[in-house]
Amino acid sequence: MSPLPASEPALVATNVEKSAKGRRAAKGAGVAGLVDAALAAGGGVLRLAPNWVPRSFLHPSRRLRLHPDDYYAFGAQRGGIDERWFSSTIEAANERRTADEGLSWVVHDGARVLLRDAIAARGETLLGASLWRRHRRWPVFAKFFDNAGPIPHHMHQSDEQAAKTGQQGKPEAYWFPPQMNPVDHAFPHTFFGLEPGTTKGDVRRCLERWNEGDNGILDLSRAYRLKRGSGWLVGPGILHAPGSLLTFEPQWASDVFGVFQSLVEGRTVPWELCVRDVPKSKRRDLDYLVDQLDWDANVDPNFKANHYLEPVVDESRSGDGATDRFVVYGTIGGRQLFSAKELTLAPGARWQLTNPDASG
């Protein structure tokens, strides 16, 4: 996951299948020392504890390879675990969340420190001077998203819109790894955008019908069958209703969204999920809610051509039984915000990964 081109030394963060629960946490000056020791021990690689996130309004499909007894480890009232976050420095925006929910922990020699605190202490070393000067934080993260069925048609706010609630916008991308998708589950299709010719009035009327059952928003959209080994690049303000393949999602470090669909598989969606990340004074302003949408992108007649991704081999980093491929790439709003790669090794092959950017 490469947020921006850079030539500085990189951070590569990987996950260890070992719980950080109960480990001692580094504090104060100890944070920098622990980070330095972890970098030295890992040869520039920080090891992170697994980071699991439940969602009360979703239904896990159990492809995350957790023990079957652990999918409701946060309690049934919190919902099942259907997300695993990678290299995250932001909290999951969940109700009744635990103090560190969504945050990644660096683990080393029986101690731990939040990745967010590690970057605050050694930002330039971990991210490189250019990225550190620009953002003063690790500005992206990724997740495995694993839901058994479709989720509501929703959008993520832009930077300008999210700033009104003290947050940042959320562009994101999807990749459907064949290794994690042995089954399709209920609905391996995703609705994207709106049919060309749809008007803002059409969408507004769907919001007006929120409490009438199915508000009909999907009648205005188009579904695409999901293909293993492919992906999509989705900017802020674009409506999408992800389907039932497990998805690897690189994205901006934010958790803002607004739901536009009132009924999914017979389950009602509370209005609060439509207006959660808009100013309180605008939560009944239907015109404001519709105006959050990137209209041109939603009604683009060439939507697939402008957002669909097939992998591209990186010839400069492949060979001798190793194939390194870009699986997420491209620009959003004219900026390359992140990318993702997949490395495949032939039996018996050995390969040393090198990246010019910070990655997680």
Protein backbone atom coordinates (compact mmCIF):
# COMPACT_ATOMS: atom_id res chain seq x y z
CA MET A 1 0.00 0.00 0.00
CA SER A 2 1.89 3.03 -1.27
CA PRO A 3 0.24 6.34 -0.39
CA LEU A 4 2.52 8.59 -2.44
CA PRO A 5 5.66 8.11 -4.53
CA ALA A 6 8.73 8.63 -2.36
CA SER A 7 12.39 7.73 -2.21
CA GLU A 8 12.88 7.78 1.56
CA PRO A 9 13.44 4.68 3.76
CA ALA A 10 10.22 2.75 4.18
CA LEU A 11 8.16 1.19 6.92
CA VAL A 12 6.80 -2.25 6.17
CA ALA A 13 4.27 -3.38 8.77
CA THR A 14 3.20 -7.01 8.94
CA ASN A 15 0.87 -8.91 11.23
CA VAL A 16 1.72 -11.68 13.66
CA GLU A 17 -0.85 -14.26 14.64
CA LYS A 18 -0.34 -13.62 18.31
CA SER A 19 -2.55 -11.59 20.61
CA ALA A 20 -1.17 -8.40 22.14
CA LYS A 21 -3.70 -8.63 24.97
CA GLY A 22 -2.03 -8.46 28.33
CA ARG A 23 1.28 -7.15 27.05
CA ARG A 24 2.82 -4.17 28.80
CA ALA A 25 2.35 -0.88 26.96
CA ALA A 26 5.27 1.45 26.34
CA LYS A 27 4.82 5.01 27.60
CA GLY A 28 6.51 8.36 27.22
CA ALA A 29 10.14 8.17 26.20
CA GLY A 30 9.82 4.40 26.13
CA VAL A 31 7.83 4.59 22.89
CA ALA A 32 10.76 5.80 20.79
CA GLY A 33 13.06 3.25 22.38
CA LEU A 34 10.67 0.40 21.73
CA VAL A 35 10.20 1.48 18.10
CA ASP A 36 13.97 1.70 17.57
CA ALA A 37 14.47 -1.75 19.09
CA ALA A 38 11.63 -3.25 17.04
CA LEU A 39 13.01 -1.77 13.82
CA ALA A 40 16.47 -3.11 14.58
CA ALA A 41 15.15 -6.57 15.40
CA GLY A 42 12.95 -6.68 12.32
CA GLY A 43 15.41 -5.24 9.84
CA GLY A 44 13.11 -2.30 9.19
CA VAL A 45 9.92 -4.32 9.62
CA LEU A 46 7.50 -3.56 12.45
CA ARG A 47 5.32 -6.48 13.49
CA LEU A 48 1.71 -5.70 14.37
CA ALA A 49 -0.83 -7.64 16.40
CA PRO A 50 -4.00 -8.78 14.57
CA ASN A 51 -6.65 -6.08 14.64
CA TRP A 52 -10.28 -7.28 14.62
CA VAL A 53 -13.34 -5.02 14.21
CA PRO A 54 -17.00 -6.00 14.81
CA ARG A 55 -19.97 -4.29 13.15
CA SER A 56 -23.36 -4.46 14.86
CA PHE A 57 -25.31 -4.01 11.61
CA LEU A 58 -23.45 -6.62 9.50
CA HIS A 59 -23.23 -10.41 9.29
CA PRO A 60 -19.76 -12.04 9.23
CA SER A 61 -19.24 -14.77 6.64
CA ARG A 62 -16.38 -16.46 8.57
CA ARG A 63 -13.65 -16.32 5.91
CA LEU A 64 -11.27 -14.37 8.16
CA ARG A 65 -9.88 -17.66 9.52
CA LEU A 66 -10.73 -16.92 13.12
CA HIS A 67 -11.62 -19.76 15.47
CA PRO A 68 -15.38 -20.36 15.13
CA ASP A 69 -15.92 -19.42 18.79
CA ASP A 70 -14.26 -16.02 18.32
CA TYR A 71 -16.47 -14.27 15.77
CA TYR A 72 -18.56 -12.77 18.60
CA ALA A 73 -15.65 -12.24 20.98
CA PHE A 74 -16.73 -8.62 21.59
CA GLY A 75 -20.18 -9.84 22.68
CA ALA A 76 -23.31 -10.57 20.69
CA GLN A 77 -24.61 -7.05 21.39
CA ARG A 78 -21.61 -5.62 19.49
CA GLY A 79 -22.18 -7.79 16.43
CA GLY A 80 -19.84 -10.28 14.79
CA ILE A 81 -16.29 -9.67 13.61
CA ASP A 82 -16.34 -9.19 9.86
CA GLU A 83 -13.33 -6.89 9.44
CA ARG A 84 -9.60 -7.19 10.03
CA TRP A 85 -7.73 -3.88 9.85
CA PHE A 86 -4.10 -3.57 8.78
CA SER A 87 -1.64 -0.83 9.80
CA SER A 88 -4.38 1.38 11.22
CA THR A 89 -3.87 4.58 13.19
CA ILE A 90 -7.60 5.45 13.45
CA GLU A 91 -10.37 4.18 15.68
CA ALA A 92 -13.32 2.29 14.28
CA ALA A 93 -16.37 4.55 14.45
CA ASN A 94 -18.51 2.04 16.36
CA GLU A 95 -20.94 2.63 19.18
CA ARG A 96 -19.85 1.18 22.55
CA ARG A 97 -16.39 0.61 21.10
CA THR A 98 -13.40 -0.51 23.15
CA ALA A 99 -10.75 2.12 23.81
CA ASP A 100 -8.37 0.82 21.12
CA GLU A 101 -10.90 -0.59 18.65
CA GLY A 102 -9.53 -0.29 15.12
CA LEU A 103 -6.04 0.77 16.25
CA SER A 104 -3.01 -1.38 15.41
CA TRP A 105 -0.43 -2.29 18.06
CA VAL A 106 3.29 -2.72 17.43
CA VAL A 107 4.50 -5.72 19.45
CA HIS A 108 8.12 -6.39 20.41
CA ASP A 109 9.83 -8.42 23.13
CA GLY A 110 6.78 -8.70 25.37
CA ALA A 111 5.85 -5.00 25.08
CA ARG A 112 3.51 -3.10 22.82
CA VAL A 113 2.84 0.44 21.59
CA LEU A 114 0.10 1.83 19.40
CA LEU A 115 1.24 2.27 15.80
CA ARG A 116 -0.20 5.79 16.03
CA ASP A 117 2.12 6.59 18.95
CA ALA A 118 5.06 4.91 17.23
CA ILE A 119 4.61 7.16 14.21
CA ALA A 120 4.22 10.24 16.42
CA ALA A 121 7.58 9.36 18.01
CA ARG A 122 9.49 8.29 14.90
CA GLY A 123 7.42 9.61 12.01
CA GLU A 124 10.19 10.68 9.67
CA THR A 125 12.09 7.44 10.19
CA LEU A 126 9.04 5.28 9.56
CA LEU A 127 7.32 7.21 6.77
CA GLY A 128 10.12 9.11 5.07
CA ALA A 129 10.64 12.87 5.16
CA SER A 130 8.28 13.77 2.29
CA LEU A 131 5.26 11.85 3.55
CA TRP A 132 5.86 12.93 7.14
CA ARG A 133 6.08 16.62 6.19
CA ARG A 134 2.90 16.40 4.13
CA HIS A 135 0.64 14.58 6.59
CA ARG A 136 2.34 14.34 10.02
CA ARG A 137 0.64 10.95 10.34
CA TRP A 138 0.21 7.61 8.55
CA PRO A 139 -2.68 8.68 6.31
CA VAL A 140 -3.94 5.31 5.00
CA PHE A 141 -4.82 1.82 6.17
CA ALA A 142 -6.33 -1.36 4.74
CA LYS A 143 -8.77 -4.03 5.81
CA PHE A 144 -10.23 -7.40 4.99
CA PHE A 145 -13.99 -6.89 4.77
CA ASP A 146 -15.95 -10.14 5.02
CA ASN A 147 -19.73 -9.93 5.01
CA ALA A 148 -22.05 -12.82 4.17
CA GLY A 149 -24.44 -10.72 2.10
CA PRO A 150 -24.81 -7.31 0.48
CA ILE A 151 -24.54 -4.16 2.57
CA PRO A 152 -26.52 -0.92 2.10
CA HIS A 153 -25.97 1.48 -0.79
CA HIS A 154 -23.80 4.14 0.82
CA MET A 155 -21.16 6.78 0.17
CA HIS A 156 -18.14 8.24 1.93
CA GLN A 157 -17.81 11.96 2.41
CA SER A 158 -15.14 14.11 0.75
CA ASP A 159 -12.52 15.99 2.74
CA GLU A 160 -14.57 19.18 2.51
CA GLN A 161 -17.74 17.50 3.76
CA ALA A 162 -16.03 15.44 6.47
CA ALA A 163 -14.23 18.52 7.79
CA LYS A 164 -17.61 19.87 8.92
CA THR A 165 -17.67 17.14 11.56
CA GLY A 166 -13.94 17.33 12.34
CA GLN A 167 -12.99 14.33 10.17
CA GLN A 168 -11.34 13.50 6.86
CA GLY A 169 -12.84 12.11 3.68
CA LYS A 170 -12.57 8.49 2.63
CA PRO A 171 -11.58 7.40 -0.86
CA GLU A 172 -11.11 3.65 -1.05
CA ALA A 173 -10.45 0.68 -3.33
CA TYR A 174 -11.43 -2.99 -3.52
CA TRP A 175 -9.53 -6.15 -4.46
CA PHE A 176 -11.10 -9.61 -4.35
CA PRO A 177 -8.28 -12.03 -3.41
CA PRO A 178 -8.88 -15.55 -4.78
CA GLN A 179 -6.97 -16.98 -1.80
CA MET A 180 -9.60 -15.68 0.65
CA ASN A 181 -12.71 -16.40 -1.40
CA PRO A 182 -13.45 -20.15 -1.54
CA VAL A 183 -17.20 -19.40 -1.68
CA ASP A 184 -19.38 -16.64 -3.19
CA HIS A 185 -21.99 -16.48 -0.43
CA ALA A 186 -25.35 -14.84 -0.99
CA PHE A 187 -24.77 -11.95 -3.42
CA PRO A 188 -21.41 -11.68 -5.25
CA HIS A 189 -22.42 -8.44 -6.96
CA THR A 190 -21.89 -4.79 -6.10
CA PHE A 191 -24.13 -1.87 -7.04
CA PHE A 192 -22.11 1.16 -8.10
CA GLY A 193 -23.31 4.69 -8.78
CA LEU A 194 -26.58 5.63 -10.45
CA GLU A 195 -28.08 4.93 -13.85
CA PRO A 196 -27.34 7.70 -16.38
CA GLY A 197 -30.35 9.99 -16.52
CA THR A 198 -31.09 9.70 -12.80
CA THR A 199 -31.87 13.08 -11.24
CA LYS A 200 -31.18 14.45 -7.79
CA GLY A 201 -34.94 14.59 -7.33
CA ASP A 202 -35.09 10.81 -7.85
CA VAL A 203 -32.59 10.26 -5.06
CA ARG A 204 -34.29 12.80 -2.81
CA ARG A 205 -37.60 10.93 -3.15
CA CYS A 206 -35.85 7.75 -2.02
CA LEU A 207 -34.77 9.52 1.16
CA GLU A 208 -38.32 10.81 1.65
CA ARG A 209 -39.55 7.19 1.60
CA TRP A 210 -37.06 6.01 4.26
CA ASN A 211 -39.71 4.77 6.69
CA GLU A 212 -41.87 3.06 4.06
CA GLY A 213 -39.76 -0.10 3.87
CA ASP A 214 -37.62 -0.45 0.76
CA ASN A 215 -36.96 3.11 -0.40
CA GLY A 216 -36.06 1.96 -3.92
CA ILE A 217 -32.55 3.41 -4.19
CA LEU A 218 -31.23 0.26 -5.91
CA ASP A 219 -33.80 0.76 -8.69
CA LEU A 220 -31.67 3.75 -9.67
CA SER A 221 -28.36 1.87 -9.67
CA ARG A 222 -26.54 -0.86 -11.61
CA ALA A 223 -25.00 -4.08 -10.23
CA TYR A 224 -21.74 -5.61 -11.45
CA ARG A 225 -20.81 -9.24 -10.85
CA LEU A 226 -17.67 -9.47 -8.70
CA LYS A 227 -14.68 -11.26 -10.18
CA ARG A 228 -11.96 -12.85 -8.08
CA GLY A 229 -8.58 -11.36 -8.90
CA SER A 230 -10.01 -7.98 -9.95
CA GLY A 231 -10.81 -4.71 -8.20
CA TRP A 232 -12.36 -1.24 -8.23
CA LEU A 233 -11.19 2.28 -7.36
CA VAL A 234 -13.91 4.39 -5.70
CA GLY A 235 -13.67 8.07 -4.81
CA PRO A 236 -15.67 9.98 -2.20
CA GLY A 237 -19.31 10.71 -2.95
CA ILE A 238 -19.85 7.58 -5.08
CA LEU A 239 -22.72 5.34 -4.01
CA HIS A 240 -21.86 1.65 -3.69
CA ALA A 241 -23.46 -1.42 -2.12
CA PRO A 242 -20.69 -4.03 -1.75
CA GLY A 243 -21.49 -7.68 -2.31
CA SER A 244 -20.53 -10.91 -0.60
CA LEU A 245 -16.93 -11.60 -1.66
CA LEU A 246 -14.25 -11.02 0.95
CA THR A 247 -12.56 -7.78 -0.04
CA PHE A 248 -9.12 -6.32 0.59
CA GLU A 249 -9.67 -2.56 0.89
CA PRO A 250 -6.87 0.01 0.89
CA GLN A 251 -8.31 3.39 1.86
CA TRP A 252 -7.72 6.75 3.43
CA ALA A 253 -7.45 6.69 7.20
CA SER A 254 -11.04 7.65 7.98
CA ASP A 255 -14.27 5.83 8.88
CA VAL A 256 -16.94 8.28 7.64
CA PHE A 257 -19.99 7.18 5.65
CA GLY A 258 -23.62 7.87 4.88
CA VAL A 259 -26.14 5.13 4.03
CA PHE A 260 -28.78 5.83 1.35
CA GLN A 261 -30.65 2.47 1.43
CA SER A 262 -33.37 1.88 4.00
CA LEU A 263 -33.88 -1.90 3.75
CA VAL A 264 -31.32 -4.67 3.08
CA GLU A 265 -32.35 -8.33 2.83
CA GLY A 266 -35.47 -7.53 4.86
CA ARG A 267 -33.52 -5.74 7.61
CA THR A 268 -34.28 -2.09 8.28
CA VAL A 269 -31.45 0.45 8.33
CA PRO A 270 -31.75 3.22 10.95
CA TRP A 271 -31.84 6.80 9.67
CA GLU A 272 -28.90 7.54 11.98
CA LEU A 273 -26.62 5.64 9.60
CA CYS A 274 -27.58 8.04 6.81
CA VAL A 275 -26.75 11.17 8.80
CA ARG A 276 -24.09 9.98 11.26
CA ASP A 277 -21.29 12.02 9.67
CA VAL A 278 -23.08 15.23 8.70
CA PRO A 279 -23.55 18.36 10.86
CA LYS A 280 -26.46 18.06 13.27
CA SER A 281 -28.18 21.02 11.65
CA LYS A 282 -28.26 19.18 8.30
CA ARG A 283 -29.62 15.80 9.41
CA ARG A 284 -33.11 16.52 8.05
CA ASP A 285 -31.94 18.58 5.07
CA LEU A 286 -32.52 16.13 2.22
CA ASP A 287 -31.07 18.47 -0.40
CA TYR A 288 -27.85 18.71 1.61
CA LEU A 289 -27.65 14.93 1.91
CA VAL A 290 -28.09 14.46 -1.85
CA ASP A 291 -25.58 17.20 -2.62
CA GLN A 292 -22.91 15.15 -0.84
CA LEU A 293 -22.84 12.88 -3.89
CA ASP A 294 -20.27 13.33 -6.64
CA TRP A 295 -22.98 13.58 -9.24
CA ASP A 296 -20.90 13.36 -12.41
CA ALA A 297 -19.10 10.25 -11.14
CA ASN A 298 -22.33 8.55 -10.06
CA VAL A 299 -24.14 8.94 -13.40
CA ASP A 300 -21.03 8.35 -15.55
CA PRO A 301 -22.13 6.13 -18.50
CA ASN A 302 -18.57 4.74 -18.61
CA PHE A 303 -18.42 3.94 -14.90
CA LYS A 304 -16.79 0.53 -15.26
CA ALA A 305 -14.16 1.74 -17.71
CA ASN A 306 -13.22 4.54 -15.30
CA HIS A 307 -13.15 2.50 -12.06
CA TYR A 308 -12.55 -1.20 -12.78
CA LEU A 309 -9.07 -2.66 -12.15
CA GLU A 310 -7.23 -5.68 -13.53
CA PRO A 311 -3.80 -6.57 -12.08
CA VAL A 312 -0.63 -5.22 -13.71
CA VAL A 313 2.68 -7.06 -13.32
CA ASP A 314 5.54 -4.95 -11.94
CA GLU A 315 8.31 -6.31 -14.16
CA SER A 316 10.97 -4.39 -12.24
CA ARG A 317 10.16 -6.33 -9.05
CA SER A 318 9.45 -9.77 -10.51
CA GLY A 319 11.62 -12.70 -11.56
CA ASP A 320 13.20 -15.97 -10.40
CA GLY A 321 9.89 -17.50 -9.43
CA ALA A 322 8.38 -14.30 -8.03
CA THR A 323 5.56 -12.29 -9.61
CA ASP A 324 4.77 -8.90 -8.08
CA ARG A 325 1.57 -7.31 -9.33
CA PHE A 326 -0.21 -4.03 -8.74
CA VAL A 327 -3.78 -4.94 -7.85
CA VAL A 328 -4.89 -1.44 -6.77
CA TYR A 329 -3.53 1.62 -8.56
CA GLY A 330 -4.61 4.85 -10.21
CA THR A 331 -5.59 8.35 -9.15
CA ILE A 332 -8.59 9.81 -7.34
CA GLY A 333 -9.22 13.48 -7.98
CA GLY A 334 -5.93 13.60 -9.87
CA ARG A 335 -3.90 12.28 -6.92
CA GLN A 336 -2.35 8.88 -6.29
CA LEU A 337 -3.43 8.32 -2.70
CA PHE A 338 -2.63 4.63 -2.24
CA SER A 339 -1.89 1.43 -4.10
CA ALA A 340 -1.70 -2.28 -3.29
CA LYS A 341 0.37 -5.20 -4.57
CA GLU A 342 0.19 -9.00 -4.53
CA LEU A 343 3.37 -11.10 -4.50
CA THR A 344 3.17 -14.72 -5.72
CA LEU A 345 6.09 -17.10 -5.16
CA ALA A 346 6.58 -20.35 -7.08
CA PRO A 347 7.35 -23.46 -4.98
CA GLY A 348 10.88 -23.21 -3.61
CA ALA A 349 11.36 -19.59 -4.69
CA ARG A 350 13.01 -17.03 -2.41
CA TRP A 351 12.51 -13.31 -2.82
CA GLN A 352 13.36 -10.13 -0.93
CA LEU A 353 10.68 -7.48 -1.06
CA THR A 354 11.86 -3.90 -1.49
CA ASN A 355 9.52 -0.91 -1.62
CA PRO A 356 10.37 2.75 -2.22
CA ASP A 357 7.51 3.88 0.02
CA ALA A 358 6.07 3.27 3.45
CA SER A 359 3.72 0.29 3.29
CA GLY A 360 1.57 -1.76 5.62
